[in-house]
C-alpha atoms as a PDB file:
ATOM      1  CA  UNK A   1     115.367  73.563 118.386  1.00  0.00           C
ATOM      2  CA  UNK A   2     116.350  73.674 114.731  1.00  0.00           C
ATOM      3  CA  UNK A   3     113.204  74.399 112.809  1.00  0.00           C
ATOM      4  CA  UNK A   4     112.672  72.993 109.362  1.00  0.00           C
ATOM      5  CA  UNK A   5     112.904  75.431 106.479  1.00  0.00           C
ATOM      6  CA  UNK A   6     109.653  77.321 106.329  1.00  0.00           C
ATOM      7  CA  UNK A   7     107.345  76.139 103.554  1.00  0.00           C
ATOM      8  CA  UNK A   8     104.090  78.009 103.128  1.00  0.00           C
ATOM      9  CA  UNK A   9     101.376  75.369 103.390  1.00  0.00           C
ATOM     10  CA  UNK A  10      99.024  76.398 100.629  1.00  0.00           C
ATOM     11  CA  UNK A  11      96.940  73.317  99.954  1.00  0.00           C
ATOM     12  CA  UNK A  12      94.003  75.316 101.298  1.00  0.00           C
ATOM     13  CA  UNK A  13      94.055  77.141  97.970  1.00  0.00           C
ATOM     14  CA  UNK A  14      91.669  74.435  96.835  1.00  0.00           C
ATOM     15  CA  UNK A  15      88.972  76.362  98.685  1.00  0.00           C
ATOM     16  CA  UNK A  16      89.135  79.011  96.008  1.00  0.00           C
ATOM     17  CA  UNK A  17      88.604  76.522  93.205  1.00  0.00           C
ATOM     18  CA  UNK A  18      85.684  74.742  94.798  1.00  0.00           C
ATOM     19  CA  UNK A  19      83.820  77.510  96.595  1.00  0.00           C
ATOM     20  CA  UNK A  20      84.831  80.718  94.850  1.00  0.00           C
ATOM     21  CA  UNK A  21      82.098  83.325  94.749  1.00  0.00           C
ATOM     22  CA  UNK A  22      82.515  86.342  92.490  1.00  0.00           C
ATOM     23  CA  UNK A  23      80.538  89.557  92.490  1.00  0.00           C
ATOM     24  CA  UNK A  24      79.829  92.198  89.874  1.00  0.00           C
ATOM     25  CA  UNK A  25      78.476  91.966  86.370  1.00  0.00           C
ATOM     26  CA  UNK A  26      81.498  92.502  84.090  1.00  0.00           C
ATOM     27  CA  UNK A  27      82.547  89.674  81.797  1.00  0.00           C
ATOM     28  CA  UNK A  28      86.120  90.775  81.178  1.00  0.00           C
ATOM     29  CA  UNK A  29      88.577  87.900  81.612  1.00  0.00           C
ATOM     30  CA  UNK A  30      91.609  88.946  83.657  1.00  0.00           C
ATOM     31  CA  UNK A  31      94.926  87.712  82.173  1.00  0.00           C
ATOM     32  CA  UNK A  32      96.485  84.609  83.796  1.00  0.00           C
ATOM     33  CA  UNK A  33      99.303  86.606  85.383  1.00  0.00           C
ATOM     34  CA  UNK A  34      96.761  88.802  87.169  1.00  0.00           C
ATOM     35  CA  UNK A  35      95.224  85.761  88.838  1.00  0.00           C
ATOM     36  CA  UNK A  36      98.666  84.408  89.723  1.00  0.00           C
ATOM     37  CA  UNK A  37      99.669  87.735  91.269  1.00  0.00           C
ATOM     38  CA  UNK A  38      96.457  87.811  93.297  1.00  0.00           C
ATOM     39  CA  UNK A  39      97.085  84.318  94.673  1.00  0.00           C
ATOM     40  CA  UNK A  40     100.712  85.173  95.436  1.00  0.00           C
ATOM     41  CA  UNK A  41      99.751  88.281  97.391  1.00  0.00           C
ATOM     42  CA  UNK A  42      96.983  86.497  99.288  1.00  0.00           C
ATOM     43  CA  UNK A  43      98.921  83.434 100.403  1.00  0.00           C
ATOM     44  CA  UNK A  44     102.447  84.793 100.737  1.00  0.00           C
ATOM     45  CA  UNK A  45     101.730  88.297 102.020  1.00  0.00           C
ATOM     46  CA  UNK A  46      98.188  88.115 103.327  1.00  0.00           C
ATOM     47  CA  UNK A  47      97.359  91.018 101.003  1.00  0.00           C
ATOM     48  CA  UNK A  48      93.791  90.817  99.679  1.00  0.00           C
ATOM     49  CA  UNK A  49      93.859  93.866  97.412  1.00  0.00           C
ATOM     50  CA  UNK A  50      94.241  92.046  94.093  1.00  0.00           C
ATOM     51  CA  UNK A  51      92.016  89.103  94.942  1.00  0.00           C
ATOM     52  CA  UNK A  52      89.346  91.610  95.990  1.00  0.00           C
ATOM     53  CA  UNK A  53      89.701  93.476  92.711  1.00  0.00           C
ATOM     54  CA  UNK A  54      88.983  90.207  90.901  1.00  0.00           C
ATOM     55  CA  UNK A  55      85.532  90.189  92.506  1.00  0.00           C
ATOM     56  CA  UNK A  56      86.048  87.516  95.161  1.00  0.00           C
ATOM     57  CA  UNK A  57      83.650  87.995  98.052  1.00  0.00           C
ATOM     58  CA  UNK A  58      85.293  88.977 101.332  1.00  0.00           C
ATOM     59  CA  UNK A  59      83.839  85.991 103.174  1.00  0.00           C
ATOM     60  CA  UNK A  60      85.809  83.696 100.842  1.00  0.00           C
ATOM     61  CA  UNK A  61      89.290  85.177 101.012  1.00  0.00           C
ATOM     62  CA  UNK A  62      89.123  86.266 104.655  1.00  0.00           C
ATOM     63  CA  UNK A  63      88.447  82.684 105.697  1.00  0.00           C
ATOM     64  CA  UNK A  64      91.293  81.352 103.559  1.00  0.00           C
ATOM     65  CA  UNK A  65      93.726  83.997 104.820  1.00  0.00           C
ATOM     66  CA  UNK A  66      92.941  83.314 108.468  1.00  0.00           C
ATOM     67  CA  UNK A  67      93.231  79.564 107.915  1.00  0.00           C
ATOM     68  CA  UNK A  68      96.629  80.061 106.326  1.00  0.00           C
ATOM     69  CA  UNK A  69      97.901  82.253 109.175  1.00  0.00           C
ATOM     70  CA  UNK A  70      96.756  79.671 111.726  1.00  0.00           C
ATOM     71  CA  UNK A  71      98.482  76.865 109.810  1.00  0.00           C
ATOM     72  CA  UNK A  72     101.762  78.781 109.711  1.00  0.00           C
ATOM     73  CA  UNK A  73     101.687  79.459 113.454  1.00  0.00           C
ATOM     74  CA  UNK A  74     100.795  75.862 114.245  1.00  0.00           C
ATOM     75  CA  UNK A  75     103.722  74.626 112.152  1.00  0.00           C
ATOM     76  CA  UNK A  76     106.101  76.858 114.109  1.00  0.00           C
ATOM     77  CA  UNK A  77     104.548  75.844 117.437  1.00  0.00           C
ATOM     78  CA  UNK A  78     104.823  72.137 116.597  1.00  0.00           C
ATOM     79  CA  UNK A  79     108.480  72.411 115.608  1.00  0.00           C
ATOM     80  CA  UNK A  80     109.305  74.101 118.903  1.00  0.00           C
ATOM     81  CA  UNK A  81     107.251  71.607 120.903  1.00  0.00           C
ATOM     82  CA  UNK A  82     109.300  68.813 119.316  1.00  0.00           C
ATOM     83  CA  UNK A  83     112.340  70.421 120.905  1.00  0.00           C
ATOM     84  CA  UNK A  84     110.696  70.117 124.291  1.00  0.00           C
ATOM     85  CA  UNK A  85     109.745  73.772 124.662  1.00  0.00           C
ATOM     86  CA  UNK A  86     106.443  75.601 125.151  1.00  0.00           C
ATOM     87  CA  UNK A  87     105.978  78.824 123.207  1.00  0.00           C
ATOM     88  CA  UNK A  88     103.431  81.527 123.965  1.00  0.00           C
ATOM     89  CA  UNK A  89     101.003  83.073 121.493  1.00  0.00           C
ATOM     90  CA  UNK A  90     102.828  86.378 121.887  1.00  0.00           C
ATOM     91  CA  UNK A  91     106.124  84.778 120.872  1.00  0.00           C
ATOM     92  CA  UNK A  92     104.450  83.013 117.952  1.00  0.00           C
ATOM     93  CA  UNK A  93     102.989  86.290 116.734  1.00  0.00           C
ATOM     94  CA  UNK A  94     106.398  87.969 116.930  1.00  0.00           C
ATOM     95  CA  UNK A  95     107.941  85.245 114.759  1.00  0.00           C
ATOM     96  CA  UNK A  96     105.032  85.270 112.294  1.00  0.00           C
ATOM     97  CA  UNK A  97     105.203  89.052 111.895  1.00  0.00           C
ATOM     98  CA  UNK A  98     108.959  88.910 111.345  1.00  0.00           C
ATOM     99  CA  UNK A  99     108.604  86.136 108.749  1.00  0.00           C
ATOM    100  CA  UNK A 100     105.972  88.159 106.909  1.00  0.00           C
ATOM    101  CA  UNK A 101     108.275  91.165 106.946  1.00  0.00           C
ATOM    102  CA  UNK A 102     111.017  89.074 105.375  1.00  0.00           C
ATOM    103  CA  UNK A 103     108.682  87.814 102.641  1.00  0.00           C
ATOM    104  CA  UNK A 104     107.513  91.338 101.834  1.00  0.00           C
ATOM    105  CA  UNK A 105     111.065  92.131 100.736  1.00  0.00           C
ATOM    106  CA  UNK A 106     110.942  89.560  97.921  1.00  0.00           C
ATOM    107  CA  UNK A 107     110.633  90.656  94.310  1.00  0.00           C
ATOM    108  CA  UNK A 108     108.503  88.237  92.270  1.00  0.00           C
ATOM    109  CA  UNK A 109     108.198  88.576  88.511  1.00  0.00           C
ATOM    110  CA  UNK A 110     105.062  86.969  87.086  1.00  0.00           C
ATOM    111  CA  UNK A 111     104.300  86.775  83.384  1.00  0.00           C
ATOM    112  CA  UNK A 112     102.281  84.734  80.916  1.00  0.00           C
ATOM    113  CA  UNK A 113     104.672  82.975  78.559  1.00  0.00           C
ATOM    114  CA  UNK A 114     102.074  81.322  76.315  1.00  0.00           C
ATOM    115  CA  UNK A 115      98.300  81.128  75.959  1.00  0.00           C
ATOM    116  CA  UNK A 116      95.533  79.561  73.885  1.00  0.00           C
ATOM    117  CA  UNK A 117      91.776  79.906  74.192  1.00  0.00           C
ATOM    118  CA  UNK A 118      91.575  77.831  77.372  1.00  0.00           C
ATOM    119  CA  UNK A 119      95.176  77.011  78.389  1.00  0.00           C
ATOM    120  CA  UNK A 120      98.059  79.202  79.494  1.00  0.00           C
ATOM    121  CA  UNK A 121     101.541  78.945  80.962  1.00  0.00           C
ATOM    122  CA  UNK A 122     102.530  81.395  83.682  1.00  0.00           C
ATOM    123  CA  UNK A 123     106.182  81.807  84.603  1.00  0.00           C
ATOM    124  CA  UNK A 124     107.083  82.936  88.099  1.00  0.00           C
ATOM    125  CA  UNK A 125     110.594  84.020  89.029  1.00  0.00           C
ATOM    126  CA  UNK A 126     111.235  85.251  92.547  1.00  0.00           C
ATOM    127  CA  UNK A 127     113.972  86.108  94.964  1.00  0.00           C
ATOM    128  CA  UNK A 128     113.728  84.178  98.218  1.00  0.00           C
ATOM    129  CA  UNK A 129     114.330  84.398 101.953  1.00  0.00           C
ATOM    130  CA  UNK A 130     116.754  81.738 103.209  1.00  0.00           C
ATOM    131  CA  UNK A 131     115.454  81.369 106.755  1.00  0.00           C
ATOM    132  CA  UNK A 132     117.363  78.227 107.793  1.00  0.00           C
ATOM    133  CA  UNK A 133     120.771  79.863 108.505  1.00  0.00           C
ATOM    134  CA  UNK A 134     119.033  82.697 110.370  1.00  0.00           C
ATOM    135  CA  UNK A 135     117.171  80.170 112.501  1.00  0.00           C
ATOM    136  CA  UNK A 136     120.304  78.104 113.166  1.00  0.00           C
ATOM    137  CA  UNK A 137     122.364  81.129 114.160  1.00  0.00           C
ATOM    138  CA  UNK A 138     119.631  82.383 116.482  1.00  0.00           C
ATOM    139  CA  UNK A 139     119.554  79.099 118.366  1.00  0.00           C
ATOM    140  CA  UNK A 140     123.345  78.648 118.502  1.00  0.00           C
ATOM    141  CA  UNK A 141     123.869  82.206 119.742  1.00  0.00           C
ATOM    142  CA  UNK A 142     121.165  81.717 122.372  1.00  0.00           C
ATOM    143  CA  UNK A 143     122.833  78.480 123.524  1.00  0.00           C
ATOM    144  CA  UNK A 144     126.190  80.213 123.828  1.00  0.00           C
ATOM    145  CA  UNK A 145     124.719  82.919 126.039  1.00  0.00           C
ATOM    146  CA  UNK A 146     122.882  80.403 128.215  1.00  0.00           C
ATOM    147  CA  UNK A 147     126.048  78.364 128.788  1.00  0.00           C
ATOM    148  CA  UNK A 148     127.922  81.502 129.808  1.00  0.00           C
ATOM    149  CA  UNK A 149     125.244  82.259 132.419  1.00  0.00           C
ATOM    150  CA  UNK A 150     125.906  78.909 134.129  1.00  0.00           C
ATOM    151  CA  UNK A 151     122.327  78.639 135.348  1.00  0.00           C
ATOM    152  CA  UNK A 152     121.723  75.744 137.748  1.00  0.00           C
ATOM    153  CA  UNK A 153     117.937  75.639 137.519  1.00  0.00           C
ATOM    154  CA  UNK A 154     117.038  73.628 134.415  1.00  0.00           C
ATOM    155  CA  UNK A 155     113.525  75.049 134.119  1.00  0.00           C
ATOM    156  CA  UNK A 156     114.835  78.602 134.345  1.00  0.00           C
ATOM    157  CA  UNK A 157     117.571  77.855 131.829  1.00  0.00           C
ATOM    158  CA  UNK A 158     115.132  76.410 129.275  1.00  0.00           C
ATOM    159  CA  UNK A 159     112.762  79.351 129.617  1.00  0.00           C
ATOM    160  CA  UNK A 160     115.622  81.798 129.203  1.00  0.00           C
ATOM    161  CA  UNK A 161     116.922  79.853 126.200  1.00  0.00           C
ATOM    162  CA  UNK A 162     113.559  80.049 124.451  1.00  0.00           C
ATOM    163  CA  UNK A 163     113.247  83.767 125.165  1.00  0.00           C
ATOM    164  CA  UNK A 164     116.714  84.437 123.770  1.00  0.00           C
ATOM    165  CA  UNK A 165     116.112  82.233 120.732  1.00  0.00           C
ATOM    166  CA  UNK A 166     112.820  83.915 119.823  1.00  0.00           C
ATOM    167  CA  UNK A 167     114.268  87.419 120.191  1.00  0.00           C
ATOM    168  CA  UNK A 168     117.366  86.583 118.165  1.00  0.00           C
ATOM    169  CA  UNK A 169     115.281  84.854 115.488  1.00  0.00           C
ATOM    170  CA  UNK A 170     113.011  87.892 115.182  1.00  0.00           C
ATOM    171  CA  UNK A 171     116.031  90.200 114.956  1.00  0.00           C
ATOM    172  CA  UNK A 172     117.574  87.977 112.293  1.00  0.00           C
ATOM    173  CA  UNK A 173     114.365  87.845 110.249  1.00  0.00           C
ATOM    174  CA  UNK A 174     113.976  91.612 110.477  1.00  0.00           C
ATOM    175  CA  UNK A 175     117.511  92.037 109.115  1.00  0.00           C
ATOM    176  CA  UNK A 176     117.342  89.341 106.428  1.00  0.00           C
ATOM    177  CA  UNK A 177     117.855  90.428 102.839  1.00  0.00           C
ATOM    178  CA  UNK A 178     116.402  88.716  99.759  1.00  0.00           C
ATOM    179  CA  UNK A 179     118.645  86.447  97.724  1.00  0.00           C
ATOM    180  CA  UNK A 180     120.616  87.845  94.821  1.00  0.00           C
ATOM    181  CA  UNK A 181     119.498  84.969  92.601  1.00  0.00           C
ATOM    182  CA  UNK A 182     115.995  83.725  91.853  1.00  0.00           C
ATOM    183  CA  UNK A 183     113.954  80.550  91.810  1.00  0.00           C
ATOM    184  CA  UNK A 184     111.868  80.071  88.691  1.00  0.00           C
ATOM    185  CA  UNK A 185     109.103  77.762  87.538  1.00  0.00           C
ATOM    186  CA  UNK A 186     106.313  77.679  84.956  1.00  0.00           C
ATOM    187  CA  UNK A 187     102.772  76.698  85.914  1.00  0.00           C
ATOM    188  CA  UNK A 188      99.893  75.480  83.768  1.00  0.00           C
ATOM    189  CA  UNK A 189      96.695  77.545  84.017  1.00  0.00           C
ATOM    190  CA  UNK A 190      93.206  76.835  82.714  1.00  0.00           C
ATOM    191  CA  UNK A 191      89.960  78.743  82.345  1.00  0.00           C
ATOM    192  CA  UNK A 192      87.266  77.836  84.803  1.00  0.00           C
ATOM    193  CA  UNK A 193      83.731  79.208  84.889  1.00  0.00           C
ATOM    194  CA  UNK A 194      82.345  80.854  88.013  1.00  0.00           C
ATOM    195  CA  UNK A 195      79.079  82.556  88.828  1.00  0.00           C
ATOM    196  CA  UNK A 196      79.300  86.347  88.565  1.00  0.00           C
ATOM    197  CA  UNK A 197      76.065  88.169  89.340  1.00  0.00           C
ATOM    198  CA  UNK A 198      74.040  85.247  88.079  1.00  0.00           C
ATOM    199  CA  UNK A 199      76.123  84.878  84.923  1.00  0.00           C
ATOM    200  CA  UNK A 200      79.023  82.577  84.081  1.00  0.00           C
ATOM    201  CA  UNK A 201      82.438  84.182  83.928  1.00  0.00           C
ATOM    202  CA  UNK A 202      85.751  82.641  82.826  1.00  0.00           C
ATOM    203  CA  UNK A 203      88.568  82.946  85.362  1.00  0.00           C
ATOM    204  CA  UNK A 204      92.157  81.788  84.862  1.00  0.00           C
ATOM    205  CA  UNK A 205      93.258  79.428  87.661  1.00  0.00           C
ATOM    206  CA  UNK A 206      96.203  77.008  88.133  1.00  0.00           C
ATOM    207  CA  UNK A 207      95.434  73.546  86.795  1.00  0.00           C
ATOM    208  CA  UNK A 208      96.635  72.074  90.093  1.00  0.00           C
ATOM    209  CA  UNK A 209      96.133  74.455  93.014  1.00  0.00           C
ATOM    210  CA  UNK A 210      97.964  72.250  95.513  1.00  0.00           C
ATOM    211  CA  UNK A 211     101.069  71.949  93.334  1.00  0.00           C
ATOM    212  CA  UNK A 212     100.979  75.679  92.603  1.00  0.00           C
ATOM    213  CA  UNK A 213     100.841  76.570  96.293  1.00  0.00           C
ATOM    214  CA  UNK A 214     103.380  74.008  97.468  1.00  0.00           C
ATOM    215  CA  UNK A 215     105.917  74.845  94.781  1.00  0.00           C
ATOM    216  CA  UNK A 216     105.521  78.578  95.345  1.00  0.00           C
ATOM    217  CA  UNK A 217     106.138  78.006  99.043  1.00  0.00           C
ATOM    218  CA  UNK A 218     109.372  76.171  98.228  1.00  0.00           C
ATOM    219  CA  UNK A 219     110.506  78.898  95.873  1.00  0.00           C
ATOM    220  CA  UNK A 220     110.130  81.769  98.322  1.00  0.00           C
ATOM    221  CA  UNK A 221     112.191  79.886 100.921  1.00  0.00           C
ATOM    222  CA  UNK A 222     114.987  78.990  98.500  1.00  0.00           C
ATOM    223  CA  UNK A 223     114.115  75.371  97.766  1.00  0.00           C
ATOM    224  CA  UNK A 224     113.897  73.767  94.359  1.00  0.00           C
ATOM    225  CA  UNK A 225     110.279  73.338  93.326  1.00  0.00           C
END
């Protein structure tokens, strides 16, 4: 039942670089760190406030956010299925909500360290949520309780084990505290033109969206990007 360390699957960020639609008529170029903060909030927290303020149409970011949430739940479901268990949507939602709560406690620091006319370097330093030990403890504690019950019906025992594991995992995630240290990495950004009210507007975006998303996902779960 040991789940792999949670990595936010953010390859779907590419949607924003290929199909981004912006609204409004202003031509002000937001600084690179503003774009980075907007992407962080959208993919890590599901918060659309900053991406909306950039002028991205709701149809664009709502689709990406929902796709991301579905991917996260499917990853959890698949890991549990590999252990021979069946998890309900209600249990999946409980875990997903608890994971999101843990990530909301993180304290990212995002700043532009260098910039030219069309290139920039954005440095991200963030605390992280080490989910693996919480997950391991939840399962081991659930196993200990199940053994003490001495249940003779295997089907009943497995169902009870899953229930205990999910509840203990949620409790552990709700109580988790961010790390005292941080993970840090610099990312290359570039200017890319998008249509804004019929006019071209420059927007700072990561040079490689997939790398940006994958590495950020590693950082917030305590892995080396």
